Structure formats: C-alpha cells, structure tokens
Amino acid sequence: MSLELVLASSIVFLLAVVIPTLFILSKKLGPNTQGNREKNLPYESGITNPVGGCDSRFSIKFYLVAILFVLFDVEIMLMFPWAVNVRELGFFGIMEMFTFMALLLAGLIYVYRIGALKWQ
C-alpha cells in the first residue's frame, strides 16, 4: 500500500474515533446545568418575563428595508472607484454615472410609490 493511503485512512479513523470520544467526555465530565431552573429561564435586558414567544412573526417590512439598504449600499460602493477615476473616464464616464444615478433614483421612486417604506 502507498504511504498516502495509509496516512489518509489513519486520519479518517482518528477523526471518527477522537471527535465522538471528545463529545462524550465533555458531556460526562462537564457541568450539569439541567437541574438549575433559574439559569434556564429567559432573560432579556433585565426583563424577567419577556413579552411574546420566540416563534412570533416579523413584518416583511423589516426584511424589505434591510434588502433595500444592502442594495443601495452596494451601489454606493460602486461610485467610489468611479470618483477616483473620473478624470480619466472623461465625459463618457460622467454620462455613465448620471445614467447609473438616474436608475437608482428611479428605483427609489418606485419603492416609495408602491408604499414599501411606509410603516403603517
């Protein structure tokens, strides 16, 4: 057998034995917190009785605003390399950026007109 095959099989064997052994040892030798009822109670910023459950639904507005933020943030990042090279790009580069900003403005107007930014 080749040396690589022996090395690979011994590594796989060690991982298959060592990792479960470490998990079992940490379970047996580690602290037992299941008996401590106060430690297992929920705690939210000093409020001992939190309002609502962990399975409550959020409004889609939160996700929409987050996606819009990421979208406009990435597009703003594209403007920085343009600003560095604006003199080399000349008139054509300026017109491209005005077109890009017009598309951004059109997207923002569209999002505003469909009411995606209203919190009612």
C-alpha atoms as a PDB file:
ATOM      1  CA  MET A   1       0.000   0.000   0.000  1.00  0.00           C
ATOM      2  CA  SER A   2       1.087   3.503  -0.620  1.00  0.00           C
ATOM      3  CA  LEU A   3       2.043   5.841   2.170  1.00  0.00           C
ATOM      4  CA  GLU A   4      -0.681   8.340   1.229  1.00  0.00           C
ATOM      5  CA  LEU A   5      -3.417   5.722   1.553  1.00  0.00           C
ATOM      6  CA  VAL A   6      -2.170   4.662   4.989  1.00  0.00           C
ATOM      7  CA  LEU A   7      -1.969   8.287   6.124  1.00  0.00           C
ATOM      8  CA  ALA A   8      -5.448   9.153   4.823  1.00  0.00           C
ATOM      9  CA  SER A   9      -7.066   6.090   6.367  1.00  0.00           C
ATOM     10  CA  SER A  10      -5.401   6.702   9.734  1.00  0.00           C
ATOM     11  CA  ILE A  11      -6.573  10.345   9.718  1.00  0.00           C
ATOM     12  CA  VAL A  12     -10.149   9.283   8.921  1.00  0.00           C
ATOM     13  CA  PHE A  13     -10.023   6.626  11.640  1.00  0.00           C
ATOM     14  CA  LEU A  14      -8.667   9.074  14.205  1.00  0.00           C
ATOM     15  CA  LEU A  15     -11.333  11.653  13.354  1.00  0.00           C
ATOM     16  CA  ALA A  16     -14.060   9.016  13.526  1.00  0.00           C
ATOM     17  CA  VAL A  17     -12.877   7.912  16.984  1.00  0.00           C
ATOM     18  CA  VAL A  18     -11.497  11.084  18.581  1.00  0.00           C
ATOM     19  CA  ILE A  19     -14.352  13.500  17.855  1.00  0.00           C
ATOM     20  CA  PRO A  20     -17.167  11.347  19.298  1.00  0.00           C
ATOM     21  CA  THR A  21     -14.939  10.483  22.266  1.00  0.00           C
ATOM     22  CA  LEU A  22     -14.367  14.171  22.996  1.00  0.00           C
ATOM     23  CA  PHE A  23     -18.101  14.892  22.826  1.00  0.00           C
ATOM     24  CA  ILE A  24     -18.902  12.034  25.190  1.00  0.00           C
ATOM     25  CA  LEU A  25     -16.180  13.086  27.643  1.00  0.00           C
ATOM     26  CA  SER A  26     -17.343  16.710  27.665  1.00  0.00           C
ATOM     27  CA  LYS A  27     -20.906  15.556  28.335  1.00  0.00           C
ATOM     28  CA  LYS A  28     -19.851  13.285  31.212  1.00  0.00           C
ATOM     29  CA  LEU A  29     -17.171  15.498  32.782  1.00  0.00           C
ATOM     30  CA  GLY A  30     -18.737  18.913  32.140  1.00  0.00           C
ATOM     31  CA  PRO A  31     -21.059  20.790  34.486  1.00  0.00           C
ATOM     32  CA  ASN A  32     -24.678  19.683  34.741  1.00  0.00           C
ATOM     33  CA  THR A  33     -26.977  22.693  34.288  1.00  0.00           C
ATOM     34  CA  GLN A  34     -30.249  20.840  33.750  1.00  0.00           C
ATOM     35  CA  GLY A  35     -31.115  20.896  37.444  1.00  0.00           C
ATOM     36  CA  ASN A  36     -30.759  24.672  37.781  1.00  0.00           C
ATOM     37  CA  ARG A  37     -34.195  26.089  36.945  1.00  0.00           C
ATOM     38  CA  GLU A  38     -33.264  29.775  37.312  1.00  0.00           C
ATOM     39  CA  LYS A  39     -30.436  29.511  34.823  1.00  0.00           C
ATOM     40  CA  ASN A  40     -32.751  28.116  32.170  1.00  0.00           C
ATOM     41  CA  LEU A  41     -35.308  30.950  32.431  1.00  0.00           C
ATOM     42  CA  PRO A  42     -35.345  33.500  29.588  1.00  0.00           C
ATOM     43  CA  TYR A  43     -33.671  36.843  30.295  1.00  0.00           C
ATOM     44  CA  GLU A  44     -33.979  39.885  28.070  1.00  0.00           C
ATOM     45  CA  SER A  45     -32.191  43.059  29.179  1.00  0.00           C
ATOM     46  CA  GLY A  46     -33.339  42.892  32.767  1.00  0.00           C
ATOM     47  CA  ILE A  47     -36.918  41.853  31.972  1.00  0.00           C
ATOM     48  CA  THR A  48     -37.642  38.595  33.728  1.00  0.00           C
ATOM     49  CA  ASN A  49     -40.953  37.967  31.948  1.00  0.00           C
ATOM     50  CA  PRO A  50     -40.396  38.603  28.236  1.00  0.00           C
ATOM     51  CA  VAL A  51     -43.324  39.580  26.051  1.00  0.00           C
ATOM     52  CA  GLY A  52     -44.153  37.217  23.219  1.00  0.00           C
ATOM     53  CA  GLY A  53     -42.584  33.989  22.170  1.00  0.00           C
ATOM     54  CA  CYS A  54     -39.619  33.082  20.061  1.00  0.00           C
ATOM     55  CA  ASP A  55     -41.865  31.907  17.235  1.00  0.00           C
ATOM     56  CA  SER A  56     -43.614  35.233  16.656  1.00  0.00           C
ATOM     57  CA  ARG A  57     -43.646  36.566  13.112  1.00  0.00           C
ATOM     58  CA  PHE A  58     -41.956  39.739  11.988  1.00  0.00           C
ATOM     59  CA  SER A  59     -43.359  42.075   9.421  1.00  0.00           C
ATOM     60  CA  ILE A  60     -41.925  41.717   5.934  1.00  0.00           C
ATOM     61  CA  LYS A  61     -41.101  45.437   6.101  1.00  0.00           C
ATOM     62  CA  PHE A  62     -38.027  44.696   8.231  1.00  0.00           C
ATOM     63  CA  TYR A  63     -36.593  42.385   5.592  1.00  0.00           C
ATOM     64  CA  LEU A  64     -37.532  44.726   2.749  1.00  0.00           C
ATOM     65  CA  VAL A  65     -35.777  47.668   4.381  1.00  0.00           C
ATOM     66  CA  ALA A  66     -32.714  45.502   5.036  1.00  0.00           C
ATOM     67  CA  ILE A  67     -32.571  44.357   1.411  1.00  0.00           C
ATOM     68  CA  LEU A  68     -33.017  47.919   0.167  1.00  0.00           C
ATOM     69  CA  PHE A  69     -30.236  49.083   2.451  1.00  0.00           C
ATOM     70  CA  VAL A  70     -27.858  46.416   1.161  1.00  0.00           C
ATOM     71  CA  LEU A  71     -28.842  47.170  -2.434  1.00  0.00           C
ATOM     72  CA  PHE A  72     -28.246  50.913  -2.173  1.00  0.00           C
ATOM     73  CA  ASP A  73     -25.134  50.413  -0.043  1.00  0.00           C
ATOM     74  CA  VAL A  74     -23.525  48.191  -2.681  1.00  0.00           C
ATOM     75  CA  GLU A  75     -24.444  50.655  -5.389  1.00  0.00           C
ATOM     76  CA  ILE A  76     -22.873  53.488  -3.408  1.00  0.00           C
ATOM     77  CA  MET A  77     -19.708  51.386  -3.121  1.00  0.00           C
ATOM     78  CA  LEU A  78     -19.608  51.241  -6.913  1.00  0.00           C
ATOM     79  CA  MET A  79     -19.436  55.032  -7.006  1.00  0.00           C
ATOM     80  CA  PHE A  80     -16.121  55.249  -5.144  1.00  0.00           C
ATOM     81  CA  PRO A  81     -13.929  53.706  -7.874  1.00  0.00           C
ATOM     82  CA  TRP A  82     -15.705  55.944 -10.382  1.00  0.00           C
ATOM     83  CA  ALA A  83     -14.916  59.018  -8.279  1.00  0.00           C
ATOM     84  CA  VAL A  84     -11.233  58.060  -8.206  1.00  0.00           C
ATOM     85  CA  ASN A  85     -11.063  57.664 -11.994  1.00  0.00           C
ATOM     86  CA  VAL A  86     -13.477  60.401 -13.070  1.00  0.00           C
ATOM     87  CA  ARG A  87     -10.796  62.479 -14.824  1.00  0.00           C
ATOM     88  CA  GLU A  88      -9.517  59.514 -16.816  1.00  0.00           C
ATOM     89  CA  LEU A  89     -13.033  58.480 -17.854  1.00  0.00           C
ATOM     90  CA  GLY A  90     -13.908  61.899 -19.201  1.00  0.00           C
ATOM     91  CA  PHE A  91     -17.311  62.941 -20.469  1.00  0.00           C
ATOM     92  CA  PHE A  92     -18.401  59.377 -21.257  1.00  0.00           C
ATOM     93  CA  GLY A  93     -17.721  58.287 -17.660  1.00  0.00           C
ATOM     94  CA  ILE A  94     -19.702  61.212 -16.283  1.00  0.00           C
ATOM     95  CA  MET A  95     -22.663  60.379 -18.503  1.00  0.00           C
ATOM     96  CA  GLU A  96     -22.496  56.733 -17.425  1.00  0.00           C
ATOM     97  CA  MET A  97     -22.593  57.766 -13.767  1.00  0.00           C
ATOM     98  CA  PHE A  98     -25.515  60.117 -14.366  1.00  0.00           C
ATOM     99  CA  THR A  99     -27.350  57.236 -16.048  1.00  0.00           C
ATOM    100  CA  PHE A 100     -26.500  54.977 -13.096  1.00  0.00           C
ATOM    101  CA  MET A 101     -27.724  57.557 -10.575  1.00  0.00           C
ATOM    102  CA  ALA A 102     -30.898  58.104 -12.637  1.00  0.00           C
ATOM    103  CA  LEU A 103     -31.603  54.373 -12.428  1.00  0.00           C
ATOM    104  CA  LEU A 104     -31.011  54.486  -8.668  1.00  0.00           C
ATOM    105  CA  LEU A 105     -33.390  57.419  -8.350  1.00  0.00           C
ATOM    106  CA  ALA A 106     -35.991  55.640 -10.482  1.00  0.00           C
ATOM    107  CA  GLY A 107     -35.716  52.571  -8.222  1.00  0.00           C
ATOM    108  CA  LEU A 108     -36.080  54.686  -5.108  1.00  0.00           C
ATOM    109  CA  ILE A 109     -39.121  56.475  -6.544  1.00  0.00           C
ATOM    110  CA  TYR A 110     -40.651  53.116  -7.472  1.00  0.00           C
ATOM    111  CA  VAL A 111     -40.103  51.736  -3.968  1.00  0.00           C
ATOM    112  CA  TYR A 112     -41.601  54.876  -2.455  1.00  0.00           C
ATOM    113  CA  ARG A 113     -44.627  54.852  -4.771  1.00  0.00           C
ATOM    114  CA  ILE A 114     -45.567  51.245  -4.037  1.00  0.00           C
ATOM    115  CA  GLY A 115     -45.506  52.119  -0.335  1.00  0.00           C
ATOM    116  CA  ALA A 116     -42.651  49.869   0.678  1.00  0.00           C
ATOM    117  CA  LEU A 117     -41.227  52.498   3.024  1.00  0.00           C
ATOM    118  CA  LYS A 118     -44.482  53.246   4.889  1.00  0.00           C
ATOM    119  CA  TRP A 119     -44.732  51.769   8.393  1.00  0.00           C
ATOM    120  CA  GLN A 120     -48.491  51.527   8.875  1.00  0.00           C
END
